[in-house]
Each structure stands twice: as structure tokens, then as C-alpha cells.
Amino acid sequence: MRNFKRVLLAVFVLLLVLAVLAFILENQQSVSLLFLGWVAPQLPVSVLLVLALLVGMIIGPILGWVLGRASRSTHKSVF
């Protein structure tokens, strides 16, 4: 059973990598973003979306950790 889970995980990771690779290869059009007066250099759409995904994957857990600590500290002070 343990080997089956490892094989299943490996297949899932391989499919995920292939999907990301296909996405990157299909989205090579260069775009330039403008945000609050800041102009980003021209990069492929896929690079910008992957960067946005990575930033979200970093910010999400950090925000959850901070809010969880704040929630636990308020619960402790009540009791």
C-alpha cells in the first residue's frame, strides 16, 4: 500500500509538471504590466502568472499563521 501511494504521488507530480510546462509553452506572448505608476519589464504571460502564483503561495500561509496566532492569543486572554 505504501508503494502504491508513492507511485500515485509521483504520477500526480509528473502530471502537474507537464501541465505547468504546457502552460508555459503555450503562453509566450510578451506583456508589460503597469501598476500604480510602476512599469514592469516585458515578460511572457506565463512568467507573470507563475510569479503571481508563487507570491500567493508564500503570502497565504504566512497570513494564515499570523491570523492563527492572533486568534489563539485572543482566546487565551478570554479564559
PDB file of N, CA and C in Angstrom:
ATOM      1  N   MET A   1       0.825  -1.194   0.000  1.00  0.00           N
ATOM      2  CA  MET A   1       0.000   0.000   0.000  1.00  0.00           C
ATOM      3  C   MET A   1       0.872   1.262   0.000  1.00  0.00           C
ATOM      4  N   ARG A   2       1.979   1.215   0.725  1.00  0.00           N
ATOM      5  CA  ARG A   2       2.863   2.377   0.801  1.00  0.00           C
ATOM      6  C   ARG A   2       3.472   2.676  -0.569  1.00  0.00           C
ATOM      7  N   ASN A   3       3.864   1.621  -1.294  1.00  0.00           N
ATOM      8  CA  ASN A   3       4.432   1.822  -2.629  1.00  0.00           C
ATOM      9  C   ASN A   3       3.395   2.380  -3.591  1.00  0.00           C
ATOM     10  N   PHE A   4       2.151   1.936  -3.455  1.00  0.00           N
ATOM     11  CA  PHE A   4       1.084   2.443  -4.319  1.00  0.00           C
ATOM     12  C   PHE A   4       0.897   3.945  -4.118  1.00  0.00           C
ATOM     13  N   LYS A   5       0.944   4.393  -2.871  1.00  0.00           N
ATOM     14  CA  LYS A   5       0.799   5.820  -2.578  1.00  0.00           C
ATOM     15  C   LYS A   5       1.960   6.611  -3.169  1.00  0.00           C
ATOM     16  N   ARG A   6       3.156   6.063  -3.079  1.00  0.00           N
ATOM     17  CA  ARG A   6       4.318   6.741  -3.660  1.00  0.00           C
ATOM     18  C   ARG A   6       4.202   6.838  -5.170  1.00  0.00           C
ATOM     19  N   VAL A   7       3.769   5.775  -5.809  1.00  0.00           N
ATOM     20  CA  VAL A   7       3.608   5.788  -7.265  1.00  0.00           C
ATOM     21  C   VAL A   7       2.517   6.775  -7.654  1.00  0.00           C
ATOM     22  N   LEU A   8       1.430   6.770  -6.923  1.00  0.00           N
ATOM     23  CA  LEU A   8       0.334   7.696  -7.194  1.00  0.00           C
ATOM     24  C   LEU A   8       0.790   9.145  -7.024  1.00  0.00           C
ATOM     25  N   LEU A   9       1.555   9.425  -5.986  1.00  0.00           N
ATOM     26  CA  LEU A   9       2.089  10.765  -5.773  1.00  0.00           C
ATOM     27  C   LEU A   9       3.049  11.152  -6.897  1.00  0.00           C
ATOM     28  N   ALA A  10       3.897  10.230  -7.321  1.00  0.00           N
ATOM     29  CA  ALA A  10       4.838  10.507  -8.404  1.00  0.00           C
ATOM     30  C   ALA A  10       4.100  10.800  -9.706  1.00  0.00           C
ATOM     31  N   VAL A  11       3.052  10.054  -9.990  1.00  0.00           N
ATOM     32  CA  VAL A  11       2.256  10.286 -11.203  1.00  0.00           C
ATOM     33  C   VAL A  11       1.575  11.648 -11.123  1.00  0.00           C
ATOM     34  N   PHE A  12       1.037  11.990  -9.955  1.00  0.00           N
ATOM     35  CA  PHE A  12       0.380  13.280  -9.783  1.00  0.00           C
ATOM     36  C   PHE A  12       1.365  14.425  -9.985  1.00  0.00           C
ATOM     37  N   VAL A  13       2.552  14.325  -9.389  1.00  0.00           N
ATOM     38  CA  VAL A  13       3.568  15.365  -9.545  1.00  0.00           C
ATOM     39  C   VAL A  13       4.003  15.471 -10.999  1.00  0.00           C
ATOM     40  N   LEU A  14       4.185  14.340 -11.671  1.00  0.00           N
ATOM     41  CA  LEU A  14       4.574  14.350 -13.078  1.00  0.00           C
ATOM     42  C   LEU A  14       3.505  15.024 -13.937  1.00  0.00           C
ATOM     43  N   LEU A  15       2.241  14.731 -13.690  1.00  0.00           N
ATOM     44  CA  LEU A  15       1.157  15.368 -14.443  1.00  0.00           C
ATOM     45  C   LEU A  15       1.106  16.867 -14.168  1.00  0.00           C
ATOM     46  N   LEU A  16       1.344  17.255 -12.927  1.00  0.00           N
ATOM     47  CA  LEU A  16       1.362  18.666 -12.580  1.00  0.00           C
ATOM     48  C   LEU A  16       2.503  19.393 -13.289  1.00  0.00           C
ATOM     49  N   VAL A  17       3.673  18.792 -13.313  1.00  0.00           N
ATOM     50  CA  VAL A  17       4.822  19.383 -14.009  1.00  0.00           C
ATOM     51  C   VAL A  17       4.551  19.494 -15.502  1.00  0.00           C
ATOM     52  N   LEU A  18       3.959  18.473 -16.081  1.00  0.00           N
ATOM     53  CA  LEU A  18       3.632  18.516 -17.512  1.00  0.00           C
ATOM     54  C   LEU A  18       2.590  19.592 -17.811  1.00  0.00           C
ATOM     55  N   ALA A  19       1.613  19.757 -16.941  1.00  0.00           N
ATOM     56  CA  ALA A  19       0.598  20.791 -17.148  1.00  0.00           C
ATOM     57  C   ALA A  19       1.228  22.184 -17.063  1.00  0.00           C
ATOM     58  N   VAL A  20       2.118  22.390 -16.104  1.00  0.00           N
ATOM     59  CA  VAL A  20       2.795  23.684 -15.983  1.00  0.00           C
ATOM     60  C   VAL A  20       3.683  23.933 -17.190  1.00  0.00           C
ATOM     61  N   LEU A  21       4.386  22.921 -17.647  1.00  0.00           N
ATOM     62  CA  LEU A  21       5.237  23.060 -18.829  1.00  0.00           C
ATOM     63  C   LEU A  21       4.409  23.401 -20.065  1.00  0.00           C
ATOM     64  N   ALA A  22       3.281  22.733 -20.245  1.00  0.00           N
ATOM     65  CA  ALA A  22       2.406  23.034 -21.383  1.00  0.00           C
ATOM     66  C   ALA A  22       1.875  24.464 -21.285  1.00  0.00           C
ATOM     67  N   PHE A  23       1.515  24.893 -20.085  1.00  0.00           N
ATOM     68  CA  PHE A  23       1.031  26.257 -19.888  1.00  0.00           C
ATOM     69  C   PHE A  23       2.106  27.267 -20.268  1.00  0.00           C
ATOM     70  N   ILE A  24       3.323  27.026 -19.829  1.00  0.00           N
ATOM     71  CA  ILE A  24       4.417  27.944 -20.121  1.00  0.00           C
ATOM     72  C   ILE A  24       4.703  28.000 -21.614  1.00  0.00           C
ATOM     73  N   LEU A  25       4.696  26.858 -22.264  1.00  0.00           N
ATOM     74  CA  LEU A  25       4.992  26.827 -23.695  1.00  0.00           C
ATOM     75  C   LEU A  25       3.883  27.461 -24.529  1.00  0.00           C
ATOM     76  N   GLU A  26       2.652  27.420 -24.054  1.00  0.00           N
ATOM     77  CA  GLU A  26       1.525  27.976 -24.798  1.00  0.00           C
ATOM     78  C   GLU A  26       1.345  29.476 -24.577  1.00  0.00           C
ATOM     79  N   ASN A  27       1.966  30.043 -23.562  1.00  0.00           N
ATOM     80  CA  ASN A  27       1.762  31.451 -23.231  1.00  0.00           C
ATOM     81  C   ASN A  27       3.074  32.219 -23.285  1.00  0.00           C
ATOM     82  N   GLN A  28       3.607  32.365 -24.475  1.00  0.00           N
ATOM     83  CA  GLN A  28       4.887  33.041 -24.661  1.00  0.00           C
ATOM     84  C   GLN A  28       4.742  34.487 -25.112  1.00  0.00           C
ATOM     85  N   GLN A  29       3.513  35.016 -25.223  1.00  0.00           N
ATOM     86  CA  GLN A  29       3.313  36.394 -25.638  1.00  0.00           C
ATOM     87  C   GLN A  29       3.853  37.332 -24.555  1.00  0.00           C
ATOM     88  N   SER A  30       4.605  38.315 -24.970  1.00  0.00           N
ATOM     89  CA  SER A  30       5.160  39.266 -24.007  1.00  0.00           C
ATOM     90  C   SER A  30       4.150  40.367 -23.705  1.00  0.00           C
ATOM     91  N   VAL A  31       4.065  40.706 -22.431  1.00  0.00           N
ATOM     92  CA  VAL A  31       3.198  41.794 -21.993  1.00  0.00           C
ATOM     93  C   VAL A  31       3.975  42.643 -20.992  1.00  0.00           C
ATOM     94  N   SER A  32       3.531  43.872 -20.845  1.00  0.00           N
ATOM     95  CA  SER A  32       4.125  44.768 -19.864  1.00  0.00           C
ATOM     96  C   SER A  32       3.021  45.231 -18.932  1.00  0.00           C
ATOM     97  N   LEU A  33       3.232  45.088 -17.642  1.00  0.00           N
ATOM     98  CA  LEU A  33       2.225  45.482 -16.664  1.00  0.00           C
ATOM     99  C   LEU A  33       2.507  46.877 -16.143  1.00  0.00           C
ATOM    100  N   LEU A  34       1.431  47.613 -15.872  1.00  0.00           N
ATOM    101  CA  LEU A  34       1.511  48.943 -15.277  1.00  0.00           C
ATOM    102  C   LEU A  34       0.659  48.920 -14.017  1.00  0.00           C
ATOM    103  N   PHE A  35       1.286  49.195 -12.855  1.00  0.00           N
ATOM    104  CA  PHE A  35       0.576  49.159 -11.589  1.00  0.00           C
ATOM    105  C   PHE A  35       1.046  50.321 -10.725  1.00  0.00           C
ATOM    106  N   LEU A  36       0.137  51.256 -10.447  1.00  0.00           N
ATOM    107  CA  LEU A  36       0.418  52.425  -9.608  1.00  0.00           C
ATOM    108  C   LEU A  36       1.658  53.185 -10.069  1.00  0.00           C
ATOM    109  N   GLY A  37       1.783  53.350 -11.363  1.00  0.00           N
ATOM    110  CA  GLY A  37       2.905  54.094 -11.920  1.00  0.00           C
ATOM    111  C   GLY A  37       4.164  53.277 -12.125  1.00  0.00           C
ATOM    112  N   TRP A  38       4.193  52.049 -11.607  1.00  0.00           N
ATOM    113  CA  TRP A  38       5.356  51.179 -11.773  1.00  0.00           C
ATOM    114  C   TRP A  38       5.162  50.334 -13.027  1.00  0.00           C
ATOM    115  N   VAL A  39       6.109  50.390 -13.930  1.00  0.00           N
ATOM    116  CA  VAL A  39       6.025  49.636 -15.181  1.00  0.00           C
ATOM    117  C   VAL A  39       6.975  48.449 -15.092  1.00  0.00           C
ATOM    118  N   ALA A  40       6.422  47.270 -15.244  1.00  0.00           N
ATOM    119  CA  ALA A  40       7.237  46.054 -15.224  1.00  0.00           C
ATOM    120  C   ALA A  40       7.854  45.843 -16.604  1.00  0.00           C
ATOM    121  N   PRO A  41       9.006  45.202 -16.661  1.00  0.00           N
ATOM    122  CA  PRO A  41       9.587  44.896 -17.968  1.00  0.00           C
ATOM    123  C   PRO A  41       8.703  43.901 -18.719  1.00  0.00           C
ATOM    124  N   GLN A  42       8.846  43.875 -20.024  1.00  0.00           N
ATOM    125  CA  GLN A  42       8.059  42.945 -20.813  1.00  0.00           C
ATOM    126  C   GLN A  42       8.517  41.523 -20.534  1.00  0.00           C
ATOM    127  N   LEU A  43       7.567  40.715 -20.090  1.00  0.00           N
ATOM    128  CA  LEU A  43       7.813  39.305 -19.788  1.00  0.00           C
ATOM    129  C   LEU A  43       6.688  38.483 -20.389  1.00  0.00           C
ATOM    130  N   PRO A  44       6.947  37.208 -20.649  1.00  0.00           N
ATOM    131  CA  PRO A  44       5.859  36.348 -21.121  1.00  0.00           C
ATOM    132  C   PRO A  44       4.745  36.242 -20.078  1.00  0.00           C
ATOM    133  N   VAL A  45       3.534  36.061 -20.556  1.00  0.00           N
ATOM    134  CA  VAL A  45       2.367  35.953 -19.682  1.00  0.00           C
ATOM    135  C   VAL A  45       2.573  34.831 -18.671  1.00  0.00           C
ATOM    136  N   SER A  46       3.113  33.715 -19.110  1.00  0.00           N
ATOM    137  CA  SER A  46       3.291  32.571 -18.216  1.00  0.00           C
ATOM    138  C   SER A  46       4.219  32.895 -17.054  1.00  0.00           C
ATOM    139  N   VAL A  47       5.260  33.672 -17.298  1.00  0.00           N
ATOM    140  CA  VAL A  47       6.191  34.027 -16.224  1.00  0.00           C
ATOM    141  C   VAL A  47       5.478  34.885 -15.178  1.00  0.00           C
ATOM    142  N   LEU A  48       4.693  35.839 -15.631  1.00  0.00           N
ATOM    143  CA  LEU A  48       3.967  36.701 -14.697  1.00  0.00           C
ATOM    144  C   LEU A  48       2.954  35.916 -13.875  1.00  0.00           C
ATOM    145  N   LEU A  49       2.251  34.991 -14.514  1.00  0.00           N
ATOM    146  CA  LEU A  49       1.265  34.204 -13.782  1.00  0.00           C
ATOM    147  C   LEU A  49       1.920  33.243 -12.800  1.00  0.00           C
ATOM    148  N   VAL A  50       3.018  32.635 -13.181  1.00  0.00           N
ATOM    149  CA  VAL A  50       3.727  31.740 -12.264  1.00  0.00           C
ATOM    150  C   VAL A  50       4.290  32.538 -11.086  1.00  0.00           C
ATOM    151  N   LEU A  51       4.813  33.737 -11.339  1.00  0.00           N
ATOM    152  CA  LEU A  51       5.296  34.580 -10.246  1.00  0.00           C
ATOM    153  C   LEU A  51       4.154  34.965  -9.300  1.00  0.00           C
ATOM    154  N   ALA A  52       3.000  35.300  -9.856  1.00  0.00           N
ATOM    155  CA  ALA A  52       1.845  35.638  -9.027  1.00  0.00           C
ATOM    156  C   ALA A  52       1.411  34.430  -8.195  1.00  0.00           C
ATOM    157  N   LEU A  53       1.452  33.252  -8.777  1.00  0.00           N
ATOM    158  CA  LEU A  53       1.113  32.028  -8.052  1.00  0.00           C
ATOM    159  C   LEU A  53       2.086  31.795  -6.902  1.00  0.00           C
ATOM    160  N   LEU A  54       3.366  31.937  -7.157  1.00  0.00           N
ATOM    161  CA  LEU A  54       4.376  31.718  -6.123  1.00  0.00           C
ATOM    162  C   LEU A  54       4.253  32.740  -4.993  1.00  0.00           C
ATOM    163  N   VAL A  55       3.998  33.998  -5.337  1.00  0.00           N
ATOM    164  CA  VAL A  55       3.826  35.029  -4.306  1.00  0.00           C
ATOM    165  C   VAL A  55       2.599  34.700  -3.454  1.00  0.00           C
ATOM    166  N   GLY A  56       1.527  34.262  -4.087  1.00  0.00           N
ATOM    167  CA  GLY A  56       0.331  33.867  -3.342  1.00  0.00           C
ATOM    168  C   GLY A  56       0.570  32.658  -2.459  1.00  0.00           C
ATOM    169  N   MET A  57       1.376  31.716  -2.939  1.00  0.00           N
ATOM    170  CA  MET A  57       1.688  30.535  -2.140  1.00  0.00           C
ATOM    171  C   MET A  57       2.558  30.883  -0.938  1.00  0.00           C
ATOM    172  N   ILE A  58       3.283  31.973  -1.015  1.00  0.00           N
ATOM    173  CA  ILE A  58       4.100  32.407   0.120  1.00  0.00           C
ATOM    174  C   ILE A  58       3.272  33.251   1.081  1.00  0.00           C
ATOM    175  N   ILE A  59       2.505  34.181   0.535  1.00  0.00           N
ATOM    176  CA  ILE A  59       1.730  35.098   1.374  1.00  0.00           C
ATOM    177  C   ILE A  59       0.588  34.377   2.092  1.00  0.00           C
ATOM    178  N   GLY A  60      -0.069  33.439   1.438  1.00  0.00           N
ATOM    179  CA  GLY A  60      -1.208  32.745   2.038  1.00  0.00           C
ATOM    180  C   GLY A  60      -0.881  32.058   3.350  1.00  0.00           C
ATOM    181  N   PRO A  61       0.094  31.171   3.381  1.00  0.00           N
ATOM    182  CA  PRO A  61       0.429  30.514   4.655  1.00  0.00           C
ATOM    183  C   PRO A  61       0.929  31.488   5.725  1.00  0.00           C
ATOM    184  N   ILE A  62       1.687  32.497   5.320  1.00  0.00           N
ATOM    185  CA  ILE A  62       2.169  33.476   6.301  1.00  0.00           C
ATOM    186  C   ILE A  62       0.986  34.220   6.911  1.00  0.00           C
ATOM    187  N   LEU A  63       0.045  34.643   6.087  1.00  0.00           N
ATOM    188  CA  LEU A  63      -1.141  35.334   6.584  1.00  0.00           C
ATOM    189  C   LEU A  63      -1.973  34.428   7.485  1.00  0.00           C
ATOM    190  N   GLY A  64      -2.125  33.172   7.091  1.00  0.00           N
ATOM    191  CA  GLY A  64      -2.846  32.216   7.929  1.00  0.00           C
ATOM    192  C   GLY A  64      -2.166  32.003   9.268  1.00  0.00           C
ATOM    193  N   TRP A  65      -0.849  31.942   9.270  1.00  0.00           N
ATOM    194  CA  TRP A  65      -0.091  31.764  10.508  1.00  0.00           C
ATOM    195  C   TRP A  65      -0.266  32.969  11.426  1.00  0.00           C
ATOM    196  N   VAL A  66      -0.160  34.168  10.839  1.00  0.00           N
ATOM    197  CA  VAL A  66      -0.302  35.389  11.637  1.00  0.00           C
ATOM    198  C   VAL A  66      -1.715  35.492  12.209  1.00  0.00           C
ATOM    199  N   LEU A  67      -2.720  35.249  11.393  1.00  0.00           N
ATOM    200  CA  LEU A  67      -4.098  35.330  11.877  1.00  0.00           C
ATOM    201  C   LEU A  67      -4.397  34.238  12.893  1.00  0.00           C
ATOM    202  N   GLY A  68      -3.820  33.061  12.712  1.00  0.00           N
ATOM    203  CA  GLY A  68      -4.000  31.981  13.677  1.00  0.00           C
ATOM    204  C   GLY A  68      -3.397  32.317  15.021  1.00  0.00           C
ATOM    205  N   ARG A  69      -2.224  32.925  15.004  1.00  0.00           N
ATOM    206  CA  ARG A  69      -1.593  33.331  16.268  1.00  0.00           C
ATOM    207  C   ARG A  69      -2.412  34.415  16.950  1.00  0.00           C
ATOM    208  N   ALA A  70      -2.924  35.358  16.167  1.00  0.00           N
ATOM    209  CA  ALA A  70      -3.735  36.432  16.747  1.00  0.00           C
ATOM    210  C   ALA A  70      -5.021  35.858  17.333  1.00  0.00           C
ATOM    211  N   SER A  71      -5.609  34.897  16.664  1.00  0.00           N
ATOM    212  CA  SER A  71      -6.845  34.275  17.139  1.00  0.00           C
ATOM    213  C   SER A  71      -6.590  33.496  18.422  1.00  0.00           C
ATOM    214  N   ARG A  72      -5.482  32.765  18.480  1.00  0.00           N
ATOM    215  CA  ARG A  72      -5.162  31.988  19.684  1.00  0.00           C
ATOM    216  C   ARG A  72      -4.850  32.908  20.871  1.00  0.00           C
ATOM    217  N   SER A  73      -4.209  34.028  20.603  1.00  0.00           N
ATOM    218  CA  SER A  73      -3.885  34.924  21.713  1.00  0.00           C
ATOM    219  C   SER A  73      -5.134  35.576  22.289  1.00  0.00           C
ATOM    220  N   THR A  74      -6.140  35.853  21.467  1.00  0.00           N
ATOM    221  CA  THR A  74      -7.385  36.420  21.982  1.00  0.00           C
ATOM    222  C   THR A  74      -8.167  35.382  22.756  1.00  0.00           C
ATOM    223  N   HIS A  75      -8.101  34.114  22.334  1.00  0.00           N
ATOM    224  CA  HIS A  75      -8.798  33.042  23.054  1.00  0.00           C
ATOM    225  C   HIS A  75      -8.159  32.812  24.412  1.00  0.00           C
ATOM    226  N   LYS A  76      -6.844  32.917  24.501  1.00  0.00           N
ATOM    227  CA  LYS A  76      -6.160  32.705  25.766  1.00  0.00           C
ATOM    228  C   LYS A  76      -6.487  33.805  26.762  1.00  0.00           C
ATOM    229  N   SER A  77      -6.617  35.045  26.284  1.00  0.00           N
ATOM    230  CA  SER A  77      -6.879  36.151  27.199  1.00  0.00           C
ATOM    231  C   SER A  77      -8.306  36.114  27.755  1.00  0.00           C
ATOM    232  N   VAL A  78      -9.236  35.486  27.013  1.00  0.00           N
ATOM    233  CA  VAL A  78     -10.627  35.406  27.451  1.00  0.00           C
ATOM    234  C   VAL A  78     -10.745  34.441  28.617  1.00  0.00           C
ATOM    235  N   PHE A  79      -9.996  33.348  28.568  1.00  0.00           N
ATOM    236  CA  PHE A  79     -10.105  32.326  29.610  1.00  0.00           C
ATOM    237  C   PHE A  79      -9.075  32.606  30.623  1.00  0.00           C
TER     238      PHE A  79
END
